[in-house]
N, C-alpha and C. Protein backbone atom coordinates (compact mmCIF):
# COMPACT_ATOMS: atom_id res chain seq x y z
N MET A 1 47.63 -87.60 -18.40
CA MET A 1 47.47 -88.93 -17.89
C MET A 1 45.98 -89.22 -17.79
N GLY A 2 45.56 -90.39 -18.23
CA GLY A 2 44.15 -90.72 -18.26
C GLY A 2 43.61 -91.11 -16.89
N PRO A 3 42.29 -91.19 -16.78
CA PRO A 3 41.69 -91.61 -15.52
C PRO A 3 42.03 -93.08 -15.26
N GLY A 4 42.11 -93.44 -14.00
CA GLY A 4 42.38 -94.84 -13.67
C GLY A 4 43.85 -95.20 -13.75
N THR A 5 44.72 -94.19 -13.68
CA THR A 5 46.15 -94.45 -13.72
C THR A 5 46.83 -93.68 -12.60
N THR A 6 47.99 -94.12 -12.25
CA THR A 6 48.82 -93.40 -11.30
C THR A 6 50.22 -93.31 -11.86
N ARG A 7 50.97 -92.30 -11.43
CA ARG A 7 52.34 -92.12 -11.92
C ARG A 7 53.29 -93.00 -11.15
N ARG A 8 54.25 -93.54 -11.86
CA ARG A 8 55.38 -94.23 -11.26
C ARG A 8 56.50 -93.23 -11.08
N ARG A 9 57.45 -93.53 -10.25
CA ARG A 9 58.58 -92.63 -10.05
C ARG A 9 59.34 -92.36 -11.34
N THR A 10 59.36 -93.30 -12.25
CA THR A 10 60.09 -93.12 -13.50
C THR A 10 59.35 -92.25 -14.49
N GLY A 11 58.10 -91.88 -14.17
CA GLY A 11 57.34 -91.04 -15.09
C GLY A 11 56.33 -91.83 -15.91
N GLY A 12 56.39 -93.16 -15.88
CA GLY A 12 55.44 -93.97 -16.61
C GLY A 12 54.13 -94.04 -15.85
N VAL A 13 53.20 -94.80 -16.36
CA VAL A 13 51.91 -94.95 -15.70
C VAL A 13 51.72 -96.39 -15.26
N VAL A 14 50.93 -96.57 -14.21
CA VAL A 14 50.50 -97.88 -13.79
C VAL A 14 49.04 -97.99 -14.22
N ILE A 15 48.75 -98.96 -15.00
CA ILE A 15 47.41 -99.14 -15.55
C ILE A 15 46.50 -99.80 -14.52
N GLU A 16 45.34 -99.23 -14.31
CA GLU A 16 44.35 -99.79 -13.38
C GLU A 16 43.37 -100.69 -14.14
N LYS A 17 42.70 -101.57 -13.40
CA LYS A 17 41.76 -102.52 -13.99
C LYS A 17 40.67 -101.83 -14.81
N ALA A 18 40.15 -100.72 -14.32
CA ALA A 18 39.07 -100.02 -15.02
C ALA A 18 39.51 -99.55 -16.41
N SER A 19 40.75 -99.12 -16.52
CA SER A 19 41.27 -98.67 -17.82
C SER A 19 41.34 -99.82 -18.81
N ILE A 20 41.77 -100.97 -18.33
CA ILE A 20 41.87 -102.15 -19.20
C ILE A 20 40.48 -102.57 -19.67
N GLU A 21 39.54 -102.62 -18.74
CA GLU A 21 38.18 -103.04 -19.08
C GLU A 21 37.54 -102.07 -20.07
N LYS A 22 37.78 -100.79 -19.91
CA LYS A 22 37.24 -99.79 -20.83
C LYS A 22 37.72 -100.06 -22.26
N ILE A 23 39.00 -100.29 -22.43
CA ILE A 23 39.55 -100.53 -23.76
C ILE A 23 39.10 -101.89 -24.30
N ARG A 24 39.10 -102.92 -23.45
CA ARG A 24 38.66 -104.24 -23.89
C ARG A 24 37.23 -104.17 -24.41
N ALA A 25 36.37 -103.46 -23.70
CA ALA A 25 34.97 -103.31 -24.12
C ALA A 25 34.88 -102.52 -25.43
N ALA A 26 35.68 -101.47 -25.55
CA ALA A 26 35.66 -100.66 -26.78
C ALA A 26 36.12 -101.48 -27.98
N VAL A 27 37.15 -102.29 -27.79
CA VAL A 27 37.64 -103.13 -28.89
C VAL A 27 36.59 -104.17 -29.25
N ALA A 28 35.98 -104.78 -28.24
CA ALA A 28 34.95 -105.80 -28.50
C ALA A 28 33.74 -105.22 -29.22
N ALA A 29 33.42 -103.95 -28.98
CA ALA A 29 32.27 -103.31 -29.60
C ALA A 29 32.57 -102.74 -30.99
N SER A 30 33.83 -102.76 -31.39
CA SER A 30 34.22 -102.18 -32.69
C SER A 30 33.73 -103.04 -33.84
N SER A 31 33.45 -102.39 -34.94
CA SER A 31 33.07 -103.12 -36.14
C SER A 31 34.30 -103.79 -36.72
N ASP A 32 34.08 -104.79 -37.56
CA ASP A 32 35.19 -105.48 -38.21
C ASP A 32 36.02 -104.49 -39.04
N GLU A 33 35.34 -103.57 -39.71
CA GLU A 33 36.04 -102.59 -40.55
C GLU A 33 36.92 -101.67 -39.71
N SER A 34 36.39 -101.16 -38.61
CA SER A 34 37.19 -100.26 -37.79
C SER A 34 38.34 -101.01 -37.10
N LEU A 35 38.11 -102.27 -36.73
CA LEU A 35 39.19 -103.07 -36.15
C LEU A 35 40.29 -103.32 -37.17
N GLU A 36 39.90 -103.60 -38.40
CA GLU A 36 40.88 -103.83 -39.46
C GLU A 36 41.74 -102.57 -39.65
N GLU A 37 41.11 -101.42 -39.68
CA GLU A 37 41.86 -100.16 -39.81
C GLU A 37 42.77 -99.93 -38.61
N ALA A 38 42.26 -100.22 -37.41
CA ALA A 38 43.05 -100.03 -36.19
C ALA A 38 44.25 -100.97 -36.16
N PHE A 39 44.05 -102.22 -36.56
CA PHE A 39 45.16 -103.17 -36.60
C PHE A 39 46.18 -102.76 -37.66
N ASP A 40 45.71 -102.24 -38.79
CA ASP A 40 46.65 -101.76 -39.81
C ASP A 40 47.52 -100.64 -39.26
N ARG A 41 46.91 -99.70 -38.50
CA ARG A 41 47.70 -98.63 -37.87
C ARG A 41 48.67 -99.20 -36.84
N PHE A 42 48.22 -100.16 -36.06
CA PHE A 42 49.08 -100.79 -35.07
C PHE A 42 50.28 -101.44 -35.74
N PHE A 43 50.03 -102.20 -36.83
CA PHE A 43 51.13 -102.84 -37.56
C PHE A 43 52.08 -101.81 -38.14
N SER A 44 51.55 -100.72 -38.60
CA SER A 44 52.38 -99.65 -39.17
C SER A 44 53.17 -98.92 -38.09
N ASP A 45 52.50 -98.56 -36.99
CA ASP A 45 53.15 -97.82 -35.91
C ASP A 45 54.16 -98.67 -35.13
N GLN A 46 53.91 -99.95 -35.04
CA GLN A 46 54.76 -100.85 -34.24
C GLN A 46 55.25 -102.02 -35.10
N ALA A 47 55.84 -101.71 -36.23
CA ALA A 47 56.27 -102.74 -37.18
C ALA A 47 57.26 -103.72 -36.56
N GLU A 48 58.25 -103.22 -35.84
CA GLU A 48 59.25 -104.11 -35.23
C GLU A 48 58.62 -105.01 -34.18
N LEU A 49 57.71 -104.47 -33.38
CA LEU A 49 57.03 -105.27 -32.37
C LEU A 49 56.21 -106.37 -33.03
N CYS A 50 55.48 -106.03 -34.08
CA CYS A 50 54.65 -107.02 -34.77
C CYS A 50 55.52 -108.10 -35.42
N SER A 51 56.67 -107.72 -35.94
CA SER A 51 57.60 -108.71 -36.49
C SER A 51 58.07 -109.66 -35.40
N PHE A 52 58.39 -109.10 -34.23
CA PHE A 52 58.79 -109.92 -33.08
C PHE A 52 57.66 -110.90 -32.73
N LEU A 53 56.43 -110.39 -32.65
CA LEU A 53 55.29 -111.25 -32.31
C LEU A 53 55.16 -112.40 -33.30
N MET A 54 55.27 -112.09 -34.58
CA MET A 54 55.12 -113.12 -35.60
C MET A 54 56.29 -114.13 -35.56
N ASP A 55 57.49 -113.62 -35.32
CA ASP A 55 58.65 -114.52 -35.24
C ASP A 55 58.53 -115.49 -34.07
N VAL A 56 58.21 -114.96 -32.90
CA VAL A 56 58.17 -115.79 -31.70
C VAL A 56 57.02 -116.79 -31.76
N THR A 57 55.92 -116.43 -32.39
CA THR A 57 54.76 -117.33 -32.46
C THR A 57 54.70 -118.12 -33.76
N SER A 58 55.75 -118.08 -34.56
CA SER A 58 55.71 -118.73 -35.88
C SER A 58 55.45 -120.23 -35.80
N ALA A 59 55.87 -120.88 -34.73
CA ALA A 59 55.63 -122.32 -34.60
C ALA A 59 54.27 -122.63 -34.00
N SER A 60 53.55 -121.60 -33.58
CA SER A 60 52.24 -121.79 -32.96
C SER A 60 51.14 -121.84 -34.02
N ARG A 61 50.02 -122.37 -33.62
CA ARG A 61 48.87 -122.42 -34.52
C ARG A 61 48.30 -121.02 -34.74
N GLN A 62 47.54 -120.86 -35.80
CA GLN A 62 46.97 -119.56 -36.20
C GLN A 62 46.19 -118.90 -35.07
N ARG A 63 45.35 -119.65 -34.38
CA ARG A 63 44.53 -119.07 -33.31
C ARG A 63 45.38 -118.54 -32.16
N VAL A 64 46.52 -119.18 -31.92
CA VAL A 64 47.43 -118.72 -30.87
C VAL A 64 48.08 -117.40 -31.31
N ARG A 65 48.50 -117.33 -32.56
CA ARG A 65 49.07 -116.08 -33.09
C ARG A 65 48.04 -114.96 -33.03
N GLU A 66 46.81 -115.26 -33.42
CA GLU A 66 45.75 -114.25 -33.38
C GLU A 66 45.49 -113.77 -31.96
N LEU A 67 45.47 -114.69 -30.99
CA LEU A 67 45.27 -114.32 -29.59
C LEU A 67 46.39 -113.39 -29.13
N THR A 68 47.61 -113.72 -29.46
CA THR A 68 48.76 -112.90 -29.06
C THR A 68 48.69 -111.51 -29.69
N LEU A 69 48.34 -111.44 -30.95
CA LEU A 69 48.21 -110.14 -31.62
C LEU A 69 47.08 -109.32 -31.01
N TYR A 70 45.94 -109.97 -30.76
CA TYR A 70 44.81 -109.28 -30.15
C TYR A 70 45.19 -108.72 -28.78
N LEU A 71 45.79 -109.56 -27.93
CA LEU A 71 46.18 -109.11 -26.60
C LEU A 71 47.20 -107.98 -26.68
N SER A 72 48.13 -108.06 -27.62
CA SER A 72 49.12 -107.01 -27.80
C SER A 72 48.47 -105.70 -28.20
N TYR A 73 47.49 -105.79 -29.07
CA TYR A 73 46.77 -104.59 -29.49
C TYR A 73 46.01 -103.96 -28.32
N VAL A 74 45.35 -104.77 -27.51
CA VAL A 74 44.61 -104.24 -26.37
C VAL A 74 45.58 -103.58 -25.38
N VAL A 75 46.73 -104.19 -25.14
CA VAL A 75 47.74 -103.59 -24.26
C VAL A 75 48.19 -102.25 -24.83
N TYR A 76 48.48 -102.22 -26.12
CA TYR A 76 48.90 -100.98 -26.79
C TYR A 76 47.85 -99.88 -26.63
N ARG A 77 46.59 -100.23 -26.91
CA ARG A 77 45.50 -99.26 -26.78
C ARG A 77 45.32 -98.80 -25.35
N THR A 78 45.43 -99.71 -24.40
CA THR A 78 45.26 -99.36 -22.99
C THR A 78 46.35 -98.40 -22.53
N VAL A 79 47.59 -98.69 -22.89
CA VAL A 79 48.69 -97.81 -22.51
C VAL A 79 48.53 -96.46 -23.19
N THR A 80 48.11 -96.46 -24.46
CA THR A 80 47.89 -95.21 -25.18
C THR A 80 46.82 -94.37 -24.49
N ASP A 81 45.71 -95.01 -24.13
CA ASP A 81 44.61 -94.30 -23.47
C ASP A 81 45.03 -93.78 -22.10
N ALA A 82 45.72 -94.60 -21.33
CA ALA A 82 46.09 -94.22 -19.97
C ALA A 82 47.14 -93.11 -19.94
N SER A 83 48.08 -93.14 -20.87
CA SER A 83 49.16 -92.14 -20.86
C SER A 83 48.80 -90.89 -21.65
N GLY A 84 47.81 -90.99 -22.51
CA GLY A 84 47.41 -89.85 -23.33
C GLY A 84 48.17 -89.75 -24.64
N HIS A 85 49.06 -90.69 -24.90
CA HIS A 85 49.79 -90.71 -26.17
C HIS A 85 50.23 -92.14 -26.49
N ALA A 86 50.36 -92.42 -27.78
CA ALA A 86 50.78 -93.75 -28.21
C ALA A 86 52.26 -93.95 -27.90
N PRO A 87 52.61 -95.13 -27.42
CA PRO A 87 54.03 -95.42 -27.24
C PRO A 87 54.75 -95.32 -28.58
N GLY A 88 55.94 -94.77 -28.57
CA GLY A 88 56.71 -94.68 -29.81
C GLY A 88 57.08 -96.05 -30.32
N PRO A 89 57.46 -96.12 -31.59
CA PRO A 89 57.86 -97.41 -32.16
C PRO A 89 59.01 -98.02 -31.37
N VAL A 90 58.92 -99.29 -31.09
CA VAL A 90 60.00 -99.96 -30.38
C VAL A 90 61.09 -100.37 -31.36
N THR A 91 62.30 -100.37 -30.87
CA THR A 91 63.45 -100.73 -31.70
C THR A 91 63.82 -102.18 -31.44
N PRO A 92 64.55 -102.78 -32.36
CA PRO A 92 65.02 -104.15 -32.12
C PRO A 92 65.85 -104.26 -30.84
N GLU A 93 66.62 -103.23 -30.52
CA GLU A 93 67.43 -103.26 -29.30
C GLU A 93 66.56 -103.30 -28.04
N ARG A 94 65.49 -102.51 -28.04
CA ARG A 94 64.57 -102.52 -26.90
C ARG A 94 63.83 -103.85 -26.81
N ILE A 95 63.48 -104.42 -27.96
CA ILE A 95 62.82 -105.72 -27.96
C ILE A 95 63.74 -106.78 -27.36
N THR A 96 64.99 -106.76 -27.76
CA THR A 96 65.97 -107.72 -27.22
C THR A 96 66.11 -107.56 -25.71
N ALA A 97 66.25 -106.32 -25.25
CA ALA A 97 66.39 -106.06 -23.81
C ALA A 97 65.15 -106.51 -23.05
N ALA A 98 63.97 -106.19 -23.57
CA ALA A 98 62.72 -106.57 -22.90
C ALA A 98 62.52 -108.07 -22.90
N SER A 99 62.85 -108.73 -23.99
CA SER A 99 62.65 -110.18 -24.05
C SER A 99 63.62 -110.90 -23.11
N LEU A 100 64.85 -110.41 -22.99
CA LEU A 100 65.79 -111.00 -22.03
C LEU A 100 65.30 -110.78 -20.60
N ALA A 101 64.82 -109.58 -20.30
CA ALA A 101 64.29 -109.30 -18.96
C ALA A 101 63.07 -110.19 -18.69
N SER A 102 62.23 -110.41 -19.68
CA SER A 102 61.05 -111.26 -19.51
C SER A 102 61.46 -112.71 -19.25
N GLN A 103 62.47 -113.19 -19.97
CA GLN A 103 62.96 -114.55 -19.74
C GLN A 103 63.47 -114.70 -18.30
N GLU A 104 64.23 -113.72 -17.85
CA GLU A 104 64.76 -113.76 -16.47
C GLU A 104 63.63 -113.73 -15.46
N TRP A 105 62.63 -112.86 -15.70
CA TRP A 105 61.50 -112.74 -14.79
C TRP A 105 60.72 -114.06 -14.73
N ILE A 106 60.45 -114.66 -15.89
CA ILE A 106 59.71 -115.92 -15.92
C ILE A 106 60.49 -117.01 -15.19
N GLN A 107 61.79 -117.03 -15.36
CA GLN A 107 62.62 -118.01 -14.65
C GLN A 107 62.50 -117.82 -13.14
N LYS A 108 62.59 -116.59 -12.67
CA LYS A 108 62.48 -116.31 -11.23
C LYS A 108 61.11 -116.72 -10.70
N ILE A 109 60.06 -116.38 -11.44
CA ILE A 109 58.70 -116.72 -10.99
C ILE A 109 58.52 -118.24 -10.98
N SER A 110 59.07 -118.94 -11.96
CA SER A 110 58.90 -120.39 -12.03
C SER A 110 59.62 -121.09 -10.88
N GLU A 111 60.59 -120.43 -10.28
CA GLU A 111 61.34 -121.02 -9.16
C GLU A 111 60.62 -120.85 -7.83
N LEU A 112 59.59 -120.00 -7.77
CA LEU A 112 58.85 -119.80 -6.52
C LEU A 112 57.92 -120.97 -6.25
N ASP A 113 57.82 -121.37 -5.00
CA ASP A 113 56.80 -122.35 -4.65
C ASP A 113 55.48 -121.60 -4.47
N ASP A 114 54.40 -122.31 -4.23
CA ASP A 114 53.08 -121.68 -4.12
C ASP A 114 53.04 -120.59 -3.07
N SER A 115 53.61 -120.85 -1.89
CA SER A 115 53.56 -119.84 -0.84
C SER A 115 54.43 -118.63 -1.20
N GLY A 116 55.56 -118.87 -1.86
CA GLY A 116 56.41 -117.76 -2.30
C GLY A 116 55.74 -116.93 -3.38
N PHE A 117 55.02 -117.60 -4.27
CA PHE A 117 54.32 -116.88 -5.33
C PHE A 117 53.22 -116.02 -4.72
N GLN A 118 52.48 -116.56 -3.78
CA GLN A 118 51.39 -115.81 -3.14
C GLN A 118 51.93 -114.59 -2.39
N ALA A 119 53.14 -114.72 -1.82
CA ALA A 119 53.71 -113.64 -1.02
C ALA A 119 54.56 -112.67 -1.83
N ALA A 120 54.70 -112.92 -3.12
CA ALA A 120 55.56 -112.07 -3.95
C ALA A 120 55.03 -110.65 -3.97
N THR A 121 55.94 -109.70 -3.94
CA THR A 121 55.55 -108.30 -3.98
C THR A 121 55.23 -107.90 -5.41
N ALA A 122 54.63 -106.72 -5.56
CA ALA A 122 54.30 -106.23 -6.90
C ALA A 122 55.55 -106.11 -7.75
N THR A 123 56.68 -105.78 -7.15
CA THR A 123 57.92 -105.67 -7.91
C THR A 123 58.30 -107.00 -8.51
N ARG A 124 58.14 -108.07 -7.76
CA ARG A 124 58.48 -109.40 -8.29
C ARG A 124 57.45 -109.84 -9.32
N ILE A 125 56.20 -109.45 -9.14
CA ILE A 125 55.16 -109.82 -10.09
C ILE A 125 55.30 -109.01 -11.37
N GLY A 126 55.67 -107.78 -11.24
CA GLY A 126 55.85 -106.91 -12.41
C GLY A 126 55.26 -105.54 -12.15
N VAL A 127 55.67 -104.57 -12.95
CA VAL A 127 55.21 -103.21 -12.74
C VAL A 127 53.79 -102.98 -13.25
N GLU A 128 53.27 -103.87 -14.01
CA GLU A 128 51.90 -103.75 -14.52
C GLU A 128 51.09 -104.99 -14.16
N PRO A 129 50.79 -105.16 -12.86
CA PRO A 129 50.10 -106.39 -12.45
C PRO A 129 48.71 -106.54 -13.05
N TYR A 130 48.00 -105.43 -13.29
CA TYR A 130 46.66 -105.55 -13.86
C TYR A 130 46.70 -105.96 -15.32
N LEU A 131 47.69 -105.49 -16.06
CA LEU A 131 47.83 -105.94 -17.45
C LEU A 131 48.19 -107.41 -17.49
N LEU A 132 49.07 -107.85 -16.61
CA LEU A 132 49.40 -109.28 -16.55
C LEU A 132 48.18 -110.09 -16.16
N GLY A 133 47.42 -109.59 -15.20
CA GLY A 133 46.18 -110.28 -14.81
C GLY A 133 45.19 -110.36 -15.95
N TYR A 134 45.09 -109.27 -16.73
CA TYR A 134 44.22 -109.27 -17.90
C TYR A 134 44.64 -110.37 -18.88
N VAL A 135 45.93 -110.48 -19.14
CA VAL A 135 46.43 -111.51 -20.06
C VAL A 135 46.07 -112.90 -19.55
N VAL A 136 46.31 -113.16 -18.28
CA VAL A 136 45.99 -114.47 -17.71
C VAL A 136 44.50 -114.76 -17.87
N THR A 137 43.66 -113.78 -17.56
CA THR A 137 42.21 -113.95 -17.67
C THR A 137 41.79 -114.23 -19.11
N GLU A 138 42.33 -113.47 -20.05
CA GLU A 138 41.96 -113.66 -21.46
C GLU A 138 42.42 -115.02 -21.99
N VAL A 139 43.60 -115.46 -21.59
CA VAL A 139 44.08 -116.78 -22.02
C VAL A 139 43.17 -117.85 -21.43
N GLN A 140 42.82 -117.72 -20.15
CA GLN A 140 41.93 -118.70 -19.54
C GLN A 140 40.55 -118.68 -20.21
N ASP A 141 40.03 -117.50 -20.53
CA ASP A 141 38.74 -117.41 -21.24
C ASP A 141 38.82 -118.09 -22.60
N ALA A 142 39.93 -117.91 -23.31
CA ALA A 142 40.09 -118.55 -24.62
C ALA A 142 40.11 -120.07 -24.47
N ILE A 143 40.77 -120.55 -23.43
CA ILE A 143 40.80 -122.00 -23.17
C ILE A 143 39.39 -122.49 -22.83
N ASP A 144 38.68 -121.74 -21.98
CA ASP A 144 37.31 -122.11 -21.63
C ASP A 144 36.40 -122.11 -22.84
N ASP A 145 36.70 -121.26 -23.84
CA ASP A 145 35.91 -121.20 -25.07
C ASP A 145 36.34 -122.21 -26.11
N GLY A 146 37.26 -123.11 -25.74
CA GLY A 146 37.62 -124.20 -26.64
C GLY A 146 38.99 -124.12 -27.29
N LEU A 147 39.76 -123.08 -27.02
CA LEU A 147 41.11 -123.01 -27.57
C LEU A 147 42.01 -123.95 -26.79
N GLU A 148 42.52 -124.95 -27.48
CA GLU A 148 43.41 -125.89 -26.82
C GLU A 148 44.84 -125.36 -26.96
N LEU A 149 45.45 -125.10 -25.80
CA LEU A 149 46.82 -124.60 -25.79
C LEU A 149 47.72 -125.65 -25.16
N ARG A 150 48.74 -126.02 -25.90
CA ARG A 150 49.77 -126.89 -25.34
C ARG A 150 50.58 -126.06 -24.34
N ASP A 151 51.28 -126.72 -23.44
CA ASP A 151 52.05 -126.01 -22.42
C ASP A 151 53.05 -125.04 -23.04
N GLU A 152 53.71 -125.45 -24.12
CA GLU A 152 54.70 -124.56 -24.74
C GLU A 152 54.02 -123.34 -25.38
N GLU A 153 52.79 -123.51 -25.85
CA GLU A 153 52.06 -122.37 -26.40
C GLU A 153 51.65 -121.40 -25.29
N LYS A 154 51.22 -121.92 -24.15
CA LYS A 154 50.92 -121.06 -23.01
C LYS A 154 52.16 -120.28 -22.61
N GLY A 155 53.28 -120.96 -22.56
CA GLY A 155 54.54 -120.30 -22.22
C GLY A 155 54.91 -119.23 -23.22
N THR A 156 54.70 -119.53 -24.50
CA THR A 156 55.00 -118.56 -25.55
C THR A 156 54.12 -117.33 -25.42
N VAL A 157 52.83 -117.54 -25.24
CA VAL A 157 51.90 -116.41 -25.11
C VAL A 157 52.28 -115.56 -23.91
N PHE A 158 52.56 -116.19 -22.79
CA PHE A 158 52.89 -115.43 -21.59
C PHE A 158 54.22 -114.68 -21.75
N PHE A 159 55.21 -115.33 -22.34
CA PHE A 159 56.50 -114.67 -22.59
C PHE A 159 56.33 -113.46 -23.51
N VAL A 160 55.61 -113.65 -24.60
CA VAL A 160 55.39 -112.56 -25.55
C VAL A 160 54.65 -111.41 -24.87
N MET A 161 53.62 -111.73 -24.12
CA MET A 161 52.83 -110.67 -23.51
C MET A 161 53.59 -109.96 -22.39
N LYS A 162 54.38 -110.66 -21.64
CA LYS A 162 55.22 -110.01 -20.62
C LYS A 162 56.18 -109.04 -21.31
N THR A 163 56.73 -109.44 -22.45
CA THR A 163 57.64 -108.59 -23.22
C THR A 163 56.89 -107.38 -23.78
N VAL A 164 55.72 -107.59 -24.34
CA VAL A 164 54.92 -106.50 -24.90
C VAL A 164 54.55 -105.50 -23.81
N ILE A 165 54.12 -105.99 -22.66
CA ILE A 165 53.75 -105.09 -21.56
C ILE A 165 54.96 -104.26 -21.14
N ALA A 166 56.11 -104.89 -21.04
CA ALA A 166 57.32 -104.15 -20.68
C ALA A 166 57.63 -103.08 -21.72
N LEU A 167 57.52 -103.42 -22.98
CA LEU A 167 57.84 -102.47 -24.05
C LEU A 167 56.84 -101.31 -24.11
N MET A 168 55.57 -101.62 -23.94
CA MET A 168 54.54 -100.59 -24.07
C MET A 168 54.48 -99.68 -22.84
N SER A 169 54.78 -100.21 -21.67
CA SER A 169 54.60 -99.43 -20.45
C SER A 169 55.88 -98.78 -19.94
N ALA A 170 57.03 -99.17 -20.46
CA ALA A 170 58.29 -98.60 -19.98
C ALA A 170 58.59 -97.28 -20.67
N GLU A 171 59.30 -96.45 -19.95
CA GLU A 171 59.83 -95.24 -20.58
C GLU A 171 60.93 -95.70 -21.53
N PRO A 172 61.14 -95.02 -22.67
CA PRO A 172 62.14 -95.47 -23.64
C PRO A 172 63.52 -95.75 -23.06
N GLY A 173 63.96 -95.00 -22.09
CA GLY A 173 65.28 -95.22 -21.51
C GLY A 173 65.32 -96.32 -20.46
N ASP A 174 64.15 -96.88 -20.10
CA ASP A 174 64.09 -97.90 -19.05
C ASP A 174 64.57 -99.27 -19.52
N LEU A 175 64.62 -99.51 -20.83
CA LEU A 175 65.04 -100.84 -21.32
C LEU A 175 66.37 -100.75 -22.00
């Protein structure tokens, strides 16, 4: 288990902010050539996940698809670094289970009022609150840098990333 992580009862890891920042900085400092090679490995290692990402974002603009792929790669790398091994390839069945769970979670969160959202426990927010926080921050940074996201695109990015986080951080039998 890498530094900046703690064990969950199920045997998985909880990713800490420092671990995410370490990987984000490493990815940002990578050359275009090394990033291209890394993304090729990611696409090869997680072919079903990448197909899911492309399918769900197919109606979105190119920059939105690129943002989703980038965020997914950073999540994959962070989980790999924190756990000490790459998550195994996800199956279509696990993707279906995770996407249904993500839809249910988003529905529950959308039903909370502001005070309920503020008081929500980590369980209601999700098992990887720092990864979710990272996604929110990166989406906001992209918007601040000029990426115009329609509400449905924001929803798509958040749904996809909640699903990716669940798939990458869960033990195979958890979904």
